[in-house]
PDB file of N, CA and C in Angstrom:
ATOM      1  N   MET A   1     116.962  -2.450 -69.348  1.00  0.00           N
ATOM      2  CA  MET A   1     116.347  -2.496 -70.463  1.00  0.00           C
ATOM      3  C   MET A   1     115.226  -3.872 -70.166  1.00  0.00           C
ATOM      4  N   ILE A   2     115.674  -4.815 -69.863  1.00  0.00           N
ATOM      5  CA  ILE A   2     114.980  -6.159 -69.503  1.00  0.00           C
ATOM      6  C   ILE A   2     113.950  -5.858 -68.306  1.00  0.00           C
ATOM      7  N   ARG A   3     114.287  -5.335 -67.200  1.00  0.00           N
ATOM      8  CA  ARG A   3     113.256  -4.852 -66.301  1.00  0.00           C
ATOM      9  C   ARG A   3     112.304  -4.069 -66.782  1.00  0.00           C
ATOM     10  N   LEU A   4     112.686  -2.802 -67.615  1.00  0.00           N
ATOM     11  CA  LEU A   4     111.442  -2.137 -67.999  1.00  0.00           C
ATOM     12  C   LEU A   4     110.590  -2.971 -69.016  1.00  0.00           C
ATOM     13  N   SER A   5     111.210  -3.631 -69.738  1.00  0.00           N
ATOM     14  CA  SER A   5     110.276  -4.599 -70.383  1.00  0.00           C
ATOM     15  C   SER A   5     109.331  -5.352 -69.844  1.00  0.00           C
ATOM     16  N   ILE A   6     109.555  -6.048 -68.656  1.00  0.00           N
ATOM     17  CA  ILE A   6     109.071  -6.838 -67.781  1.00  0.00           C
ATOM     18  C   ILE A   6     108.075  -6.146 -66.934  1.00  0.00           C
ATOM     19  N   LEU A   7     108.447  -4.748 -66.609  1.00  0.00           N
ATOM     20  CA  LEU A   7     107.435  -4.033 -66.083  1.00  0.00           C
ATOM     21  C   LEU A   7     106.341  -3.629 -66.993  1.00  0.00           C
ATOM     22  N   ILE A   8     106.560  -3.237 -68.048  1.00  0.00           N
ATOM     23  CA  ILE A   8     105.469  -2.897 -69.103  1.00  0.00           C
ATOM     24  C   ILE A   8     104.625  -4.214 -69.354  1.00  0.00           C
ATOM     25  N   ALA A   9     105.112  -5.131 -69.686  1.00  0.00           N
ATOM     26  CA  ALA A   9     104.258  -6.490 -69.915  1.00  0.00           C
ATOM     27  C   ALA A   9     103.339  -6.645 -68.653  1.00  0.00           C
ATOM     28  N   THR A  10     104.079  -6.495 -67.561  1.00  0.00           N
ATOM     29  CA  THR A  10     103.181  -6.647 -66.222  1.00  0.00           C
ATOM     30  C   THR A  10     102.025  -5.727 -66.024  1.00  0.00           C
ATOM     31  N   MET A  11     102.146  -4.753 -66.321  1.00  0.00           N
ATOM     32  CA  MET A  11     101.077  -3.484 -66.309  1.00  0.00           C
ATOM     33  C   MET A  11     100.065  -3.963 -67.644  1.00  0.00           C
ATOM     34  N   LEU A  12     100.670  -4.236 -68.722  1.00  0.00           N
ATOM     35  CA  LEU A  12      99.893  -4.585 -69.838  1.00  0.00           C
ATOM     36  C   LEU A  12      98.764  -5.700 -69.369  1.00  0.00           C
ATOM     37  N   ILE A  13      99.258  -6.800 -68.904  1.00  0.00           N
ATOM     38  CA  ILE A  13      98.685  -7.960 -68.421  1.00  0.00           C
ATOM     39  C   ILE A  13      97.515  -7.652 -67.267  1.00  0.00           C
ATOM     40  N   SER A  14      97.865  -7.080 -66.365  1.00  0.00           N
ATOM     41  CA  SER A  14      97.057  -6.579 -65.274  1.00  0.00           C
ATOM     42  C   SER A  14      95.994  -5.724 -65.794  1.00  0.00           C
ATOM     43  N   SER A  15      96.260  -4.641 -66.665  1.00  0.00           N
ATOM     44  CA  SER A  15      95.129  -3.625 -67.136  1.00  0.00           C
ATOM     45  C   SER A  15      94.147  -4.595 -67.974  1.00  0.00           C
ATOM     46  N   ASN A  16      94.697  -5.915 -68.623  1.00  0.00           N
ATOM     47  CA  ASN A  16      93.729  -6.557 -69.304  1.00  0.00           C
ATOM     48  C   ASN A  16      92.921  -7.591 -68.393  1.00  0.00           C
ATOM     49  N   ALA A  17      93.334  -7.714 -67.145  1.00  0.00           N
ATOM     50  CA  ALA A  17      92.589  -8.374 -66.416  1.00  0.00           C
ATOM     51  C   ALA A  17      91.463  -7.693 -65.761  1.00  0.00           C
ATOM     52  N   PHE A  18      91.824  -6.313 -65.424  1.00  0.00           N
ATOM     53  CA  PHE A  18      90.751  -5.292 -64.934  1.00  0.00           C
ATOM     54  C   PHE A  18      89.682  -5.317 -66.109  1.00  0.00           C
ATOM     55  N   ALA A  19      90.327  -5.382 -67.260  1.00  0.00           N
ATOM     56  CA  ALA A  19      89.198  -5.006 -68.704  1.00  0.00           C
ATOM     57  C   ALA A  19      88.191  -5.908 -68.481  1.00  0.00           C
ATOM     58  N   ASP A  20      88.748  -7.645 -68.504  1.00  0.00           N
ATOM     59  CA  ASP A  20      87.780  -8.582 -68.467  1.00  0.00           C
ATOM     60  C   ASP A  20      86.702  -8.470 -67.226  1.00  0.00           C
ATOM     61  N   LYS A  21      87.075  -7.785 -66.211  1.00  0.00           N
ATOM     62  CA  LYS A  21      86.049  -7.778 -65.126  1.00  0.00           C
ATOM     63  C   LYS A  21      84.805  -6.964 -65.231  1.00  0.00           C
ATOM     64  N   TYR A  22      85.100  -5.842 -66.249  1.00  0.00           N
ATOM     65  CA  TYR A  22      84.000  -4.902 -66.610  1.00  0.00           C
ATOM     66  C   TYR A  22      83.545  -5.524 -68.114  1.00  0.00           C
ATOM     67  N   ASN A  23      84.111  -5.890 -69.099  1.00  0.00           N
ATOM     68  CA  ASN A  23      83.660  -6.286 -70.501  1.00  0.00           C
ATOM     69  C   ASN A  23      83.273  -7.627 -70.674  1.00  0.00           C
ATOM     70  N   PHE A  24      82.205  -7.729 -70.964  1.00  0.00           N
ATOM     71  CA  PHE A  24      81.808  -9.228 -71.124  1.00  0.00           C
ATOM     72  C   PHE A  24      80.288  -9.371 -71.730  1.00  0.00           C
ATOM     73  N   THR A  25      80.351 -10.629 -72.259  1.00  0.00           N
ATOM     74  CA  THR A  25      79.029 -10.770 -72.593  1.00  0.00           C
ATOM     75  C   THR A  25      78.452 -12.311 -72.109  1.00  0.00           C
ATOM     76  N   THR A  26      77.299 -12.126 -71.806  1.00  0.00           N
ATOM     77  CA  THR A  26      76.719 -13.308 -71.102  1.00  0.00           C
ATOM     78  C   THR A  26      75.401 -13.913 -72.038  1.00  0.00           C
ATOM     79  N   SER A  27      74.826 -14.871 -72.240  1.00  0.00           N
ATOM     80  CA  SER A  27      73.635 -15.361 -72.747  1.00  0.00           C
ATOM     81  C   SER A  27      73.311 -16.597 -72.099  1.00  0.00           C
ATOM     82  N   ASP A  28      71.863 -16.506 -71.714  1.00  0.00           N
ATOM     83  CA  ASP A  28      70.843 -17.507 -71.186  1.00  0.00           C
ATOM     84  C   ASP A  28      69.862 -17.886 -71.928  1.00  0.00           C
ATOM     85  N   TYR A  29      69.561 -18.957 -71.944  1.00  0.00           N
ATOM     86  CA  TYR A  29      68.100 -19.243 -72.638  1.00  0.00           C
ATOM     87  C   TYR A  29      67.322 -19.857 -71.503  1.00  0.00           C
ATOM     88  N   PHE A  30      66.025 -19.594 -71.562  1.00  0.00           N
ATOM     89  CA  PHE A  30      65.031 -19.903 -70.527  1.00  0.00           C
ATOM     90  C   PHE A  30      63.874 -20.850 -71.279  1.00  0.00           C
ATOM     91  N   SER A  31      64.073 -22.126 -71.217  1.00  0.00           N
ATOM     92  CA  SER A  31      63.039 -22.872 -71.805  1.00  0.00           C
ATOM     93  C   SER A  31      61.663 -22.842 -71.736  1.00  0.00           C
ATOM     94  N   ALA A  32      61.285 -22.432 -70.469  1.00  0.00           N
ATOM     95  CA  ALA A  32      59.680 -22.185 -70.144  1.00  0.00           C
ATOM     96  C   ALA A  32      59.224 -21.035 -70.700  1.00  0.00           C
ATOM     97  N   GLU A  33      60.034 -20.028 -71.035  1.00  0.00           N
ATOM     98  CA  GLU A  33      59.600 -18.695 -71.656  1.00  0.00           C
ATOM     99  C   GLU A  33      60.002 -18.938 -73.058  1.00  0.00           C
ATOM    100  N   LYS A  34      60.853 -19.853 -73.727  1.00  0.00           N
ATOM    101  CA  LYS A  34      61.290 -19.803 -74.815  1.00  0.00           C
ATOM    102  C   LYS A  34      61.944 -18.289 -75.234  1.00  0.00           C
ATOM    103  N   ILE A  35      62.981 -17.833 -74.482  1.00  0.00           N
ATOM    104  CA  ILE A  35      63.495 -16.685 -74.741  1.00  0.00           C
ATOM    105  C   ILE A  35      65.064 -16.740 -74.426  1.00  0.00           C
ATOM    106  N   THR A  36      65.777 -15.965 -75.305  1.00  0.00           N
ATOM    107  CA  THR A  36      67.537 -15.790 -74.784  1.00  0.00           C
ATOM    108  C   THR A  36      67.691 -14.472 -74.606  1.00  0.00           C
ATOM    109  N   ILE A  37      68.119 -14.479 -73.181  1.00  0.00           N
ATOM    110  CA  ILE A  37      68.630 -12.904 -72.859  1.00  0.00           C
ATOM    111  C   ILE A  37      70.102 -12.705 -73.094  1.00  0.00           C
ATOM    112  N   THR A  38      70.494 -11.837 -73.750  1.00  0.00           N
ATOM    113  CA  THR A  38      71.999 -11.767 -74.128  1.00  0.00           C
ATOM    114  C   THR A  38      72.319 -10.125 -73.559  1.00  0.00           C
ATOM    115  N   THR A  39      73.051 -10.219 -72.548  1.00  0.00           N
ATOM    116  CA  THR A  39      73.676  -8.921 -71.823  1.00  0.00           C
ATOM    117  C   THR A  39      75.062  -8.871 -72.293  1.00  0.00           C
ATOM    118  N   THR A  40      75.370  -7.601 -72.905  1.00  0.00           N
ATOM    119  CA  THR A  40      76.949  -7.002 -73.309  1.00  0.00           C
ATOM    120  C   THR A  40      77.225  -5.921 -72.357  1.00  0.00           C
ATOM    121  N   GLN A  41      78.019  -6.041 -71.588  1.00  0.00           N
ATOM    122  CA  GLN A  41      78.462  -4.853 -70.876  1.00  0.00           C
ATOM    123  C   GLN A  41      79.913  -4.365 -71.282  1.00  0.00           C
ATOM    124  N   LYS A  42      80.077  -2.961 -71.402  1.00  0.00           N
ATOM    125  CA  LYS A  42      81.517  -2.320 -71.868  1.00  0.00           C
ATOM    126  C   LYS A  42      81.737  -1.345 -70.867  1.00  0.00           C
ATOM    127  N   LEU A  43      83.107  -1.029 -70.602  1.00  0.00           N
ATOM    128  CA  LEU A  43      83.281  -0.039 -69.699  1.00  0.00           C
ATOM    129  C   LEU A  43      84.045   0.810 -70.610  1.00  0.00           C
ATOM    130  N   LEU A  44      83.442   2.221 -70.418  1.00  0.00           N
ATOM    131  CA  LEU A  44      83.688   3.462 -71.394  1.00  0.00           C
ATOM    132  C   LEU A  44      84.182   4.626 -70.654  1.00  0.00           C
ATOM    133  N   GLN A  45      84.666   5.502 -71.345  1.00  0.00           N
ATOM    134  CA  GLN A  45      85.017   6.708 -70.700  1.00  0.00           C
ATOM    135  C   GLN A  45      84.736   7.965 -71.667  1.00  0.00           C
ATOM    136  N   LYS A  46      83.940   8.924 -71.073  1.00  0.00           N
ATOM    137  CA  LYS A  46      83.505  10.167 -71.976  1.00  0.00           C
ATOM    138  C   LYS A  46      83.548  11.463 -70.769  1.00  0.00           C
ATOM    139  N   ARG A  47      84.218  12.270 -71.590  1.00  0.00           N
ATOM    140  CA  ARG A  47      84.356  13.709 -70.745  1.00  0.00           C
ATOM    141  C   ARG A  47      85.091  13.229 -69.334  1.00  0.00           C
ATOM    142  N   GLY A  48      86.079  12.476 -69.165  1.00  0.00           N
ATOM    143  CA  GLY A  48      86.632  11.986 -67.922  1.00  0.00           C
ATOM    144  C   GLY A  48      85.916  11.335 -66.919  1.00  0.00           C
ATOM    145  N   ILE A  49      84.758  10.835 -67.485  1.00  0.00           N
ATOM    146  CA  ILE A  49      83.698  10.088 -66.747  1.00  0.00           C
ATOM    147  C   ILE A  49      83.926   8.427 -66.971  1.00  0.00           C
ATOM    148  N   TRP A  50      83.862   7.688 -66.429  1.00  0.00           N
ATOM    149  CA  TRP A  50      84.137   6.081 -66.395  1.00  0.00           C
ATOM    150  C   TRP A  50      82.651   5.797 -66.219  1.00  0.00           C
ATOM    151  N   TYR A  51      82.124   4.782 -67.407  1.00  0.00           N
ATOM    152  CA  TYR A  51      80.653   4.284 -67.188  1.00  0.00           C
ATOM    153  C   TYR A  51      80.659   2.959 -67.630  1.00  0.00           C
ATOM    154  N   LEU A  52      79.536   2.329 -67.455  1.00  0.00           N
ATOM    155  CA  LEU A  52      79.193   1.249 -67.949  1.00  0.00           C
ATOM    156  C   LEU A  52      78.287   1.098 -68.628  1.00  0.00           C
ATOM    157  N   GLU A  53      78.128   0.576 -69.878  1.00  0.00           N
ATOM    158  CA  GLU A  53      77.124   0.482 -70.881  1.00  0.00           C
ATOM    159  C   GLU A  53      76.701  -0.956 -70.739  1.00  0.00           C
ATOM    160  N   GLN A  54      75.512  -1.202 -70.533  1.00  0.00           N
ATOM    161  CA  GLN A  54      74.975  -2.534 -70.518  1.00  0.00           C
ATOM    162  C   GLN A  54      73.624  -2.811 -71.553  1.00  0.00           C
ATOM    163  N   LYS A  55      73.813  -3.392 -72.587  1.00  0.00           N
ATOM    164  CA  LYS A  55      72.844  -3.639 -73.565  1.00  0.00           C
ATOM    165  C   LYS A  55      72.147  -5.040 -73.237  1.00  0.00           C
ATOM    166  N   VAL A  56      70.975  -5.059 -73.090  1.00  0.00           N
ATOM    167  CA  VAL A  56      70.221  -6.268 -72.768  1.00  0.00           C
ATOM    168  C   VAL A  56      69.253  -6.660 -73.903  1.00  0.00           C
ATOM    169  N   LYS A  57      69.552  -7.796 -74.553  1.00  0.00           N
ATOM    170  CA  LYS A  57      68.776  -8.041 -75.790  1.00  0.00           C
ATOM    171  C   LYS A  57      67.980  -9.315 -75.429  1.00  0.00           C
ATOM    172  N   THR A  58      66.746  -9.145 -75.687  1.00  0.00           N
ATOM    173  CA  THR A  58      65.657 -10.483 -75.328  1.00  0.00           C
ATOM    174  C   THR A  58      65.212 -11.034 -76.622  1.00  0.00           C
ATOM    175  N   LYS A  59      65.683 -12.100 -77.256  1.00  0.00           N
ATOM    176  CA  LYS A  59      65.213 -12.876 -78.429  1.00  0.00           C
ATOM    177  C   LYS A  59      64.162 -13.711 -77.809  1.00  0.00           C
ATOM    178  N   ASP A  60      63.232 -13.358 -78.384  1.00  0.00           N
ATOM    179  CA  ASP A  60      61.830 -14.427 -78.118  1.00  0.00           C
ATOM    180  C   ASP A  60      61.639 -15.498 -79.130  1.00  0.00           C
ATOM    181  N   HIS A  61      61.969 -16.755 -78.780  1.00  0.00           N
ATOM    182  CA  HIS A  61      61.747 -17.971 -80.000  1.00  0.00           C
ATOM    183  C   HIS A  61      60.439 -18.329 -80.291  1.00  0.00           C
ATOM    184  N   SER A  62      59.250 -17.826 -79.615  1.00  0.00           N
ATOM    185  CA  SER A  62      57.957 -18.228 -79.875  1.00  0.00           C
ATOM    186  C   SER A  62      57.255 -17.378 -80.950  1.00  0.00           C
ATOM    187  N   GLY A  63      58.018 -16.367 -81.638  1.00  0.00           N
ATOM    188  CA  GLY A  63      57.560 -15.764 -82.642  1.00  0.00           C
ATOM    189  C   GLY A  63      57.290 -13.924 -82.085  1.00  0.00           C
ATOM    190  N   ARG A  64      57.417 -13.898 -80.817  1.00  0.00           N
ATOM    191  CA  ARG A  64      56.906 -12.458 -80.571  1.00  0.00           C
ATOM    192  C   ARG A  64      58.169 -11.479 -80.516  1.00  0.00           C
ATOM    193  N   LYS A  65      57.966 -10.218 -80.804  1.00  0.00           N
ATOM    194  CA  LYS A  65      59.098  -9.314 -81.020  1.00  0.00           C
ATOM    195  C   LYS A  65      59.975  -9.428 -80.207  1.00  0.00           C
ATOM    196  N   SER A  66      61.437  -9.251 -80.504  1.00  0.00           N
ATOM    197  CA  SER A  66      62.614  -9.218 -79.771  1.00  0.00           C
ATOM    198  C   SER A  66      62.750  -7.818 -79.540  1.00  0.00           C
ATOM    199  N   ARG A  67      63.557  -7.548 -78.241  1.00  0.00           N
ATOM    200  CA  ARG A  67      63.802  -6.083 -78.086  1.00  0.00           C
ATOM    201  C   ARG A  67      65.220  -5.969 -77.474  1.00  0.00           C
ATOM    202  N   THR A  68      65.622  -4.705 -77.317  1.00  0.00           N
ATOM    203  CA  THR A  68      66.920  -4.549 -77.026  1.00  0.00           C
ATOM    204  C   THR A  68      66.987  -3.121 -75.898  1.00  0.00           C
ATOM    205  N   LYS A  69      67.356  -3.189 -74.858  1.00  0.00           N
ATOM    206  CA  LYS A  69      67.426  -2.082 -73.572  1.00  0.00           C
ATOM    207  C   LYS A  69      68.780  -1.901 -73.530  1.00  0.00           C
ATOM    208  N   THR A  70      69.186  -0.579 -73.242  1.00  0.00           N
ATOM    209  CA  THR A  70      70.439   0.028 -73.085  1.00  0.00           C
ATOM    210  C   THR A  70      70.225   0.581 -71.720  1.00  0.00           C
ATOM    211  N   PHE A  71      71.230   0.175 -70.660  1.00  0.00           N
ATOM    212  CA  PHE A  71      71.332   0.874 -69.441  1.00  0.00           C
ATOM    213  C   PHE A  71      72.519   1.434 -68.973  1.00  0.00           C
ATOM    214  N   TYR A  72      72.760   2.213 -68.105  1.00  0.00           N
ATOM    215  CA  TYR A  72      73.932   3.000 -68.118  1.00  0.00           C
ATOM    216  C   TYR A  72      74.143   3.390 -66.491  1.00  0.00           C
ATOM    217  N   GLN A  73      75.300   3.068 -66.197  1.00  0.00           N
ATOM    218  CA  GLN A  73      75.853   3.200 -64.934  1.00  0.00           C
ATOM    219  C   GLN A  73      77.212   4.082 -64.722  1.00  0.00           C
ATOM    220  N   CYS A  74      77.292   5.312 -64.160  1.00  0.00           N
ATOM    221  CA  CYS A  74      78.710   5.903 -63.920  1.00  0.00           C
ATOM    222  C   CYS A  74      79.339   5.826 -62.577  1.00  0.00           C
ATOM    223  N   LEU A  75      80.597   5.967 -62.840  1.00  0.00           N
ATOM    224  CA  LEU A  75      81.208   5.430 -61.758  1.00  0.00           C
ATOM    225  C   LEU A  75      81.945   6.624 -60.893  1.00  0.00           C
ATOM    226  N   ASN A  76      81.862   6.722 -59.654  1.00  0.00           N
ATOM    227  CA  ASN A  76      82.245   7.842 -58.747  1.00  0.00           C
ATOM    228  C   ASN A  76      83.752   7.245 -58.333  1.00  0.00           C
ATOM    229  N   GLY A  77      84.597   7.547 -59.266  1.00  0.00           N
ATOM    230  CA  GLY A  77      85.774   6.986 -58.902  1.00  0.00           C
ATOM    231  C   GLY A  77      86.643   6.449 -60.185  1.00  0.00           C
ATOM    232  N   PHE A  78      87.597   5.589 -59.878  1.00  0.00           N
ATOM    233  CA  PHE A  78      88.487   5.248 -61.256  1.00  0.00           C
ATOM    234  C   PHE A  78      88.536   3.745 -61.138  1.00  0.00           C
ATOM    235  N   PRO A  79      88.169   3.163 -62.332  1.00  0.00           N
ATOM    236  CA  PRO A  79      87.787   1.732 -62.028  1.00  0.00           C
ATOM    237  C   PRO A  79      88.889   0.602 -62.059  1.00  0.00           C
ATOM    238  N   TYR A  80      90.410   1.121 -62.473  1.00  0.00           N
ATOM    239  CA  TYR A  80      91.442   0.231 -62.267  1.00  0.00           C
ATOM    240  C   TYR A  80      92.329   0.474 -60.932  1.00  0.00           C
ATOM    241  N   ASP A  81      91.796   1.234 -60.125  1.00  0.00           N
ATOM    242  CA  ASP A  81      92.448   1.366 -58.679  1.00  0.00           C
ATOM    243  C   ASP A  81      91.430   0.879 -57.435  1.00  0.00           C
ATOM    244  N   PRO A  82      91.448  -0.197 -56.720  1.00  0.00           N
ATOM    245  CA  PRO A  82      90.507  -0.514 -55.910  1.00  0.00           C
ATOM    246  C   PRO A  82      90.705   0.438 -54.514  1.00  0.00           C
ATOM    247  N   TYR A  83      91.610   1.515 -54.616  1.00  0.00           N
ATOM    248  CA  TYR A  83      91.509   2.224 -53.613  1.00  0.00           C
ATOM    249  C   TYR A  83      90.657   3.647 -53.846  1.00  0.00           C
ATOM    250  N   LYS A  84      90.463   3.931 -55.338  1.00  0.00           N
ATOM    251  CA  LYS A  84      89.708   4.834 -55.621  1.00  0.00           C
ATOM    252  C   LYS A  84      88.300   4.779 -56.094  1.00  0.00           C
ATOM    253  N   VAL A  85      87.646   3.435 -55.949  1.00  0.00           N
ATOM    254  CA  VAL A  85      86.532   3.130 -56.635  1.00  0.00           C
ATOM    255  C   VAL A  85      85.572   3.261 -55.337  1.00  0.00           C
ATOM    256  N   ASN A  86      84.424   4.305 -55.818  1.00  0.00           N
ATOM    257  CA  ASN A  86      83.599   4.675 -54.571  1.00  0.00           C
ATOM    258  C   ASN A  86      82.390   4.060 -54.842  1.00  0.00           C
ATOM    259  N   SER A  87      81.586   4.239 -55.797  1.00  0.00           N
ATOM    260  CA  SER A  87      80.426   3.738 -55.877  1.00  0.00           C
ATOM    261  C   SER A  87      79.698   3.966 -57.458  1.00  0.00           C
ATOM    262  N   TRP A  88      78.740   3.126 -57.737  1.00  0.00           N
ATOM    263  CA  TRP A  88      78.088   3.289 -59.180  1.00  0.00           C
ATOM    264  C   TRP A  88      76.931   3.846 -59.239  1.00  0.00           C
ATOM    265  N   GLN A  89      76.358   4.730 -59.821  1.00  0.00           N
ATOM    266  CA  GLN A  89      75.216   5.568 -60.059  1.00  0.00           C
ATOM    267  C   GLN A  89      74.666   5.293 -61.339  1.00  0.00           C
ATOM    268  N   THR A  90      73.230   5.116 -61.335  1.00  0.00           N
ATOM    269  CA  THR A  90      72.390   4.495 -62.512  1.00  0.00           C
ATOM    270  C   THR A  90      72.275   6.213 -63.164  1.00  0.00           C
ATOM    271  N   THR A  91      72.375   6.235 -64.518  1.00  0.00           N
ATOM    272  CA  THR A  91      72.340   7.359 -65.202  1.00  0.00           C
ATOM    273  C   THR A  91      71.797   7.230 -66.336  1.00  0.00           C
ATOM    274  N   ASP A  92      71.697   8.290 -67.529  1.00  0.00           N
ATOM    275  CA  ASP A  92      71.168   7.915 -68.652  1.00  0.00           C
ATOM    276  C   ASP A  92      72.281   7.874 -69.611  1.00  0.00           C
ATOM    277  N   LYS A  93      72.007   8.090 -71.064  1.00  0.00           N
ATOM    278  CA  LYS A  93      73.054   8.226 -71.965  1.00  0.00           C
ATOM    279  C   LYS A  93      73.922   9.265 -72.149  1.00  0.00           C
ATOM    280  N   ASN A  94      73.229  10.230 -71.637  1.00  0.00           N
ATOM    281  CA  ASN A  94      73.872  11.465 -71.587  1.00  0.00           C
ATOM    282  C   ASN A  94      74.987  11.873 -70.382  1.00  0.00           C
ATOM    283  N   LEU A  95      74.960  10.917 -69.456  1.00  0.00           N
ATOM    284  CA  LEU A  95      75.600  10.678 -68.029  1.00  0.00           C
ATOM    285  C   LEU A  95      75.148  11.896 -67.235  1.00  0.00           C
ATOM    286  N   THR A  96      73.995  12.140 -67.137  1.00  0.00           N
ATOM    287  CA  THR A  96      73.369  13.049 -66.265  1.00  0.00           C
ATOM    288  C   THR A  96      73.691  12.806 -64.945  1.00  0.00           C
ATOM    289  N   GLY A  97      74.186  13.859 -64.239  1.00  0.00           N
ATOM    290  CA  GLY A  97      74.303  13.531 -62.634  1.00  0.00           C
ATOM    291  C   GLY A  97      75.503  12.959 -62.459  1.00  0.00           C
ATOM    292  N   CYS A  98      76.509  12.622 -63.627  1.00  0.00           N
ATOM    293  CA  CYS A  98      77.774  11.796 -62.979  1.00  0.00           C
ATOM    294  C   CYS A  98      78.882  12.989 -62.840  1.00  0.00           C
ATOM    295  N   PRO A  99      79.688  12.625 -61.769  1.00  0.00           N
ATOM    296  CA  PRO A  99      80.511  13.485 -61.241  1.00  0.00           C
ATOM    297  C   PRO A  99      81.766  13.489 -62.561  1.00  0.00           C
ATOM    298  N   ASP A 100      82.120  14.660 -62.957  1.00  0.00           N
ATOM    299  CA  ASP A 100      83.356  14.732 -63.815  1.00  0.00           C
ATOM    300  C   ASP A 100      84.431  15.266 -63.519  1.00  0.00           C
ATOM    301  N   LYS A 101      84.910  15.577 -62.400  1.00  0.00           N
ATOM    302  CA  LYS A 101      86.104  16.084 -61.664  1.00  0.00           C
ATOM    303  C   LYS A 101      86.705  15.314 -60.781  1.00  0.00           C
ATOM    304  N   ILE A 102      86.581  13.949 -60.888  1.00  0.00           N
ATOM    305  CA  ILE A 102      87.180  12.900 -59.968  1.00  0.00           C
ATOM    306  C   ILE A 102      88.786  13.315 -59.481  1.00  0.00           C
ATOM    307  N   GLY A 103      89.000  13.303 -58.248  1.00  0.00           N
ATOM    308  CA  GLY A 103      90.657  13.653 -57.988  1.00  0.00           C
ATOM    309  C   GLY A 103      91.156  14.926 -58.175  1.00  0.00           C
ATOM    310  N   GLN A 104      90.417  15.811 -58.676  1.00  0.00           N
ATOM    311  CA  GLN A 104      90.801  17.195 -59.084  1.00  0.00           C
ATOM    312  C   GLN A 104      90.461  18.185 -57.983  1.00  0.00           C
TER     313      GLN A 104
END
């Protein structure tokens, strides 16, 4: 029972470590341009397809209009297994052109 509990705890910790590799937010301020660029990236799954959603928000501190753009990349593989990750592919919000039968 104790071994099983340790195994489950280890798996949960390692899964969270991988999630941090893909899920993050960064923010950078550029004083010369007076803008802040905030990038938020999330690893998501839809219809058996793993993909990254990246939202890039540009906040202008000089009065111009701020904007947000969203980018998508699908994975040809499985993100938590280093032996099954093949490549990332740029796509749209509908995941057009992404492989959906990985490993089958």
